[in-house]
């Protein structure tokens, strides 16, 4: 029923378009999104050597900009050289097709990241006709904010979490007889999860904003469970952060908790606005 109501609202409240017509419209939005990813992927593939050597392998080098910053900060806060790279890791491939497949993976993931604003714009174009003028006005600038938050999350995962992850796992020793030479595919998979995954996670404030506008979530509820949220964020940060020092834990916890507080502020603002417009609903 929810899908049918959405499609009916999207067609102006009348049966102007059939279910198949809506699917056809959606199909073309998806096709254009895929084409955008393919075009960006081709650009990445054309410069694959740069993207692999300087972008993918960047966080594994001691002279990487954020690696040097983390090292200096670690020395400043008194944890010594714990965040400094002692060795630069090496990688291997155990299959003939490994590097060939990895090159396409790099291209399409890079293409998706570059094309993300356009992909969301296509999704927004499909959803927008189902919204009222007031709802459209209230979500003005959403494409910009979604894109900014996504790229901030990708940057955080790339410049902060990836170097922390590499430094920890390559210095963790279960036995001196074990030599760490992971496959490039394994490293690439972790980089993708860390960057794209955090980019999606950084959409939390906008998700809360939409839930608040729909009346599903309120600032009062979020404030009530603020302490619980902090514990959950702390646990999530401990899972995301492989290192055990308090500084690394704080580096990951801080932005996640800031996102939560931004979400609380947005939901509270929507709640106050609704209270002023419809006080009888809260009596």
Protein backbone atom coordinates (compact mmCIF):
# COMPACT_ATOMS: atom_id res chain seq x y z
CA UNK A 1 0.00 0.00 0.00
CA UNK A 2 2.82 2.39 0.83
CA UNK A 3 4.32 1.87 -2.63
CA UNK A 4 0.96 2.44 -4.32
CA UNK A 5 0.37 5.60 -2.27
CA UNK A 6 3.82 6.88 -3.22
CA UNK A 7 3.22 6.22 -6.92
CA UNK A 8 -0.19 7.88 -6.74
CA UNK A 9 1.28 10.99 -5.08
CA UNK A 10 4.06 11.01 -7.66
CA UNK A 11 1.54 11.17 -10.49
CA UNK A 12 -0.26 14.12 -8.95
CA UNK A 13 -2.83 12.17 -6.97
CA UNK A 14 -4.53 10.80 -10.06
CA UNK A 15 -4.12 7.65 -12.08
CA UNK A 16 -2.30 9.49 -14.85
CA UNK A 17 0.52 6.96 -14.89
CA UNK A 18 0.26 3.21 -14.47
CA UNK A 19 2.54 1.12 -12.31
CA UNK A 20 4.44 0.08 -15.44
CA UNK A 21 4.85 3.73 -16.45
CA UNK A 22 6.40 4.52 -13.09
CA UNK A 23 8.76 1.57 -13.43
CA UNK A 24 9.75 2.82 -16.87
CA UNK A 25 10.55 6.26 -15.44
CA UNK A 26 12.55 4.65 -12.62
CA UNK A 27 14.36 2.45 -15.13
CA UNK A 28 15.63 5.46 -17.05
CA UNK A 29 16.79 7.15 -13.84
CA UNK A 30 18.73 3.99 -13.00
CA UNK A 31 20.13 3.71 -16.54
CA UNK A 32 21.40 7.29 -16.44
CA UNK A 33 22.93 6.64 -13.01
CA UNK A 34 24.70 3.52 -14.26
CA UNK A 35 25.96 5.39 -17.33
CA UNK A 36 27.37 8.12 -15.07
CA UNK A 37 29.22 5.47 -13.04
CA UNK A 38 30.52 3.84 -16.23
CA UNK A 39 31.78 7.16 -17.63
CA UNK A 40 33.54 8.01 -14.35
CA UNK A 41 34.87 4.43 -14.14
CA UNK A 42 36.40 4.78 -17.62
CA UNK A 43 38.14 7.99 -16.51
CA UNK A 44 39.49 6.23 -13.42
CA UNK A 45 40.59 3.24 -15.53
CA UNK A 46 42.45 5.53 -17.95
CA UNK A 47 44.50 6.79 -15.00
CA UNK A 48 44.53 3.48 -13.12
CA UNK A 49 48.26 3.67 -12.43
CA UNK A 50 47.82 7.00 -10.63
CA UNK A 51 44.77 5.81 -8.68
CA UNK A 52 46.48 2.59 -7.56
CA UNK A 53 49.96 3.93 -6.82
CA UNK A 54 49.05 7.32 -5.33
CA UNK A 55 45.47 6.88 -4.08
CA UNK A 56 45.01 3.23 -3.10
CA UNK A 57 48.55 2.68 -1.80
CA UNK A 58 48.85 6.19 -0.35
CA UNK A 59 47.72 5.32 3.21
CA UNK A 60 50.30 2.48 3.36
CA UNK A 61 53.30 4.81 3.10
CA UNK A 62 55.12 6.57 5.90
CA UNK A 63 55.27 9.85 3.95
CA UNK A 64 51.48 9.96 3.41
CA UNK A 65 50.16 13.30 4.68
CA UNK A 66 47.74 11.97 7.32
CA UNK A 67 50.22 9.28 8.39
CA UNK A 68 52.77 12.00 9.23
CA UNK A 69 50.09 14.00 11.06
CA UNK A 70 48.97 10.99 13.10
CA UNK A 71 52.58 10.19 13.96
CA UNK A 72 53.25 13.74 15.20
CA UNK A 73 49.97 13.88 17.13
CA UNK A 74 50.70 10.51 18.72
CA UNK A 75 54.10 11.73 19.88
CA UNK A 76 52.53 14.95 21.18
CA UNK A 77 49.84 13.23 23.27
CA UNK A 78 52.38 10.86 24.78
CA UNK A 79 51.80 7.51 23.06
CA UNK A 80 55.22 7.55 21.43
CA UNK A 81 55.67 6.12 17.95
CA UNK A 82 52.58 3.92 18.20
CA UNK A 83 50.92 5.71 15.27
CA UNK A 84 54.11 5.98 13.18
CA UNK A 85 54.74 3.55 10.33
CA UNK A 86 57.78 1.41 11.07
CA UNK A 87 57.68 -0.52 7.79
CA UNK A 88 55.93 -0.02 4.47
CA UNK A 89 53.78 -3.08 3.73
CA UNK A 90 54.04 -5.18 0.59
CA UNK A 91 51.23 -6.99 -1.18
CA UNK A 92 50.91 -9.99 -3.42
CA UNK A 93 48.44 -11.63 -5.76
CA UNK A 94 47.93 -15.38 -5.74
CA UNK A 95 45.89 -15.70 -8.95
CA UNK A 96 46.61 -14.84 -12.58
CA UNK A 97 43.44 -12.77 -12.89
CA UNK A 98 43.78 -10.99 -9.52
CA UNK A 99 45.34 -7.76 -10.76
CA UNK A 100 43.11 -7.66 -13.85
CA UNK A 101 39.93 -7.99 -11.77
CA UNK A 102 41.26 -5.53 -9.17
CA UNK A 103 41.79 -2.89 -11.88
CA UNK A 104 38.08 -3.04 -12.76
CA UNK A 105 37.13 -2.98 -9.08
CA UNK A 106 39.20 0.17 -8.56
CA UNK A 107 37.64 1.74 -11.66
CA UNK A 108 34.01 1.06 -10.74
CA UNK A 109 34.35 1.93 -7.05
CA UNK A 110 36.15 5.13 -8.01
CA UNK A 111 33.46 5.77 -10.63
CA UNK A 112 30.72 5.30 -8.03
CA UNK A 113 32.37 7.73 -5.60
CA UNK A 114 32.87 10.39 -8.29
CA UNK A 115 29.35 9.94 -9.66
CA UNK A 116 27.63 9.80 -6.25
CA UNK A 117 26.15 13.35 -6.37
CA UNK A 118 24.68 12.65 -9.80
CA UNK A 119 23.30 9.27 -8.68
CA UNK A 120 21.53 10.88 -5.73
CA UNK A 121 20.27 13.66 -8.00
CA UNK A 122 18.64 11.04 -10.25
CA UNK A 123 17.05 9.36 -7.22
CA UNK A 124 15.83 12.74 -5.99
CA UNK A 125 14.30 13.54 -9.40
CA UNK A 126 12.24 10.35 -9.15
CA UNK A 127 11.09 10.98 -5.56
CA UNK A 128 10.49 14.75 -5.80
CA UNK A 129 7.13 14.64 -7.69
CA UNK A 130 5.61 12.69 -4.76
CA UNK A 131 6.39 15.53 -2.33
CA UNK A 132 4.29 18.59 -1.61
CA UNK A 133 5.60 22.09 -2.33
CA UNK A 134 6.17 22.55 1.41
CA UNK A 135 8.16 19.31 1.64
CA UNK A 136 10.24 20.23 -1.41
CA UNK A 137 10.98 23.63 0.12
CA UNK A 138 11.96 21.99 3.40
CA UNK A 139 14.46 19.72 1.66
CA UNK A 140 16.08 22.45 -0.41
CA UNK A 141 19.82 21.86 -0.76
CA UNK A 142 19.54 18.17 0.12
CA UNK A 143 21.68 17.07 -2.85
CA UNK A 144 24.48 19.39 -1.75
CA UNK A 145 24.36 18.23 1.88
CA UNK A 146 24.15 14.53 0.99
CA UNK A 147 27.18 14.93 -1.28
CA UNK A 148 29.16 16.92 1.31
CA UNK A 149 28.47 14.38 4.07
CA UNK A 150 29.31 11.47 1.77
CA UNK A 151 32.64 12.95 0.70
CA UNK A 152 33.47 13.91 4.30
CA UNK A 153 32.84 10.30 5.33
CA UNK A 154 34.95 8.96 2.47
CA UNK A 155 37.76 11.38 3.38
CA UNK A 156 37.58 10.40 7.06
CA UNK A 157 37.70 6.71 6.20
CA UNK A 158 40.55 7.24 3.74
CA UNK A 159 42.81 9.69 5.58
CA UNK A 160 42.22 8.54 9.17
CA UNK A 161 40.77 5.03 9.47
CA UNK A 162 42.71 3.38 6.65
CA UNK A 163 46.18 4.41 7.94
CA UNK A 164 45.18 3.33 11.48
CA UNK A 165 43.98 -0.01 10.13
CA UNK A 166 47.13 -0.61 8.05
CA UNK A 167 49.47 0.42 10.87
CA UNK A 168 47.81 -1.87 13.41
CA UNK A 169 47.42 -5.02 11.33
CA UNK A 170 50.91 -4.87 9.84
CA UNK A 171 52.50 -4.39 13.27
CA UNK A 172 50.38 -6.93 15.14
CA UNK A 173 52.47 -10.04 15.83
CA UNK A 174 51.00 -13.37 16.84
CA UNK A 175 54.36 -15.01 16.16
CA UNK A 176 57.69 -13.85 14.77
CA UNK A 177 57.60 -16.81 12.38
CA UNK A 178 54.56 -15.38 10.62
CA UNK A 179 55.27 -12.96 7.77
CA UNK A 180 52.44 -10.64 6.76
CA UNK A 181 52.10 -10.41 2.98
CA UNK A 182 48.38 -10.02 2.25
CA UNK A 183 46.87 -10.06 -1.20
CA UNK A 184 46.15 -6.76 -2.87
CA UNK A 185 42.51 -7.85 -3.27
CA UNK A 186 42.19 -8.27 0.51
CA UNK A 187 43.64 -4.80 1.13
CA UNK A 188 41.47 -3.24 -1.57
CA UNK A 189 38.33 -4.80 -0.09
CA UNK A 190 39.13 -3.30 3.33
CA UNK A 191 39.81 0.13 1.82
CA UNK A 192 36.46 0.05 -0.01
CA UNK A 193 34.52 -0.93 3.11
CA UNK A 194 36.31 1.70 5.20
CA UNK A 195 35.83 4.59 2.77
CA UNK A 196 32.48 3.98 1.06
CA UNK A 197 30.98 2.46 4.23
CA UNK A 198 31.88 5.48 6.36
CA UNK A 199 30.64 7.76 3.58
CA UNK A 200 27.22 6.11 3.83
CA UNK A 201 27.36 6.18 7.66
CA UNK A 202 27.88 9.95 7.55
CA UNK A 203 24.36 10.29 6.11
CA UNK A 204 22.97 9.78 9.65
CA UNK A 205 21.93 13.44 10.23
CA UNK A 206 19.94 13.55 6.99
CA UNK A 207 18.29 10.20 7.74
CA UNK A 208 17.26 11.48 11.17
CA UNK A 209 16.01 14.71 9.55
CA UNK A 210 13.77 12.77 7.16
CA UNK A 211 12.47 10.54 9.99
CA UNK A 212 11.76 13.64 12.09
CA UNK A 213 9.89 15.30 9.24
CA UNK A 214 7.85 12.12 8.85
CA UNK A 215 7.00 12.21 12.57
CA UNK A 216 8.71 8.87 13.23
CA UNK A 217 11.53 10.27 15.38
CA UNK A 218 11.73 13.26 17.71
CA UNK A 219 14.46 15.20 19.41
CA UNK A 220 12.97 14.29 22.80
CA UNK A 221 13.46 10.59 22.11
CA UNK A 222 17.03 11.10 20.94
CA UNK A 223 17.87 13.17 24.02
CA UNK A 224 16.34 10.52 26.27
CA UNK A 225 18.65 7.87 24.83
CA UNK A 226 21.72 10.10 24.47
CA UNK A 227 23.78 8.09 26.97
CA UNK A 228 22.77 4.83 25.31
CA UNK A 229 23.73 6.28 21.93
CA UNK A 230 27.15 7.28 23.26
CA UNK A 231 27.78 3.72 24.48
CA UNK A 232 26.70 2.29 21.12
CA UNK A 233 28.94 4.77 19.27
CA UNK A 234 31.83 3.91 21.59
CA UNK A 235 31.37 0.19 20.91
CA UNK A 236 31.09 0.82 17.16
CA UNK A 237 34.25 2.95 17.26
CA UNK A 238 36.07 0.20 19.16
CA UNK A 239 35.05 -2.27 16.45
CA UNK A 240 36.00 0.07 13.61
CA UNK A 241 39.30 1.04 15.23
CA UNK A 242 41.73 -1.87 15.30
CA UNK A 243 44.21 -0.14 17.61
CA UNK A 244 43.78 -0.22 21.39
CA UNK A 245 45.15 3.20 22.43
CA UNK A 246 42.67 5.82 23.74
CA UNK A 247 43.74 8.42 21.17
CA UNK A 248 42.76 6.29 18.16
CA UNK A 249 39.47 5.41 19.86
CA UNK A 250 38.76 9.10 20.47
CA UNK A 251 39.64 10.00 16.86
CA UNK A 252 36.91 7.65 15.60
CA UNK A 253 34.38 8.28 18.39
CA UNK A 254 34.42 12.09 18.15
CA UNK A 255 33.07 12.55 14.58
CA UNK A 256 30.45 9.82 15.05
CA UNK A 257 29.18 11.44 18.25
CA UNK A 258 29.23 14.88 16.61
CA UNK A 259 27.03 13.45 13.84
CA UNK A 260 24.65 12.15 16.52
CA UNK A 261 24.47 15.56 18.23
CA UNK A 262 23.79 17.22 14.87
CA UNK A 263 20.98 14.69 14.39
CA UNK A 264 19.58 15.58 17.83
CA UNK A 265 19.68 19.29 16.98
CA UNK A 266 17.91 18.75 13.64
CA UNK A 267 15.21 16.53 15.14
CA UNK A 268 14.65 19.00 18.02
CA UNK A 269 14.29 21.87 15.57
CA UNK A 270 11.62 19.97 13.60
CA UNK A 271 9.87 19.04 16.87
CA UNK A 272 9.74 22.67 18.08
CA UNK A 273 8.44 23.81 14.72
CA UNK A 274 5.65 21.22 14.80
CA UNK A 275 4.76 22.19 18.38
CA UNK A 276 4.34 25.82 17.35
CA UNK A 277 2.28 24.96 14.26
CA UNK A 278 0.08 22.26 15.88
CA UNK A 279 0.10 22.61 19.68
CA UNK A 280 -2.99 20.37 19.99
CA UNK A 281 -0.97 17.37 18.79
CA UNK A 282 1.29 17.58 21.86
CA UNK A 283 -1.36 18.27 24.47
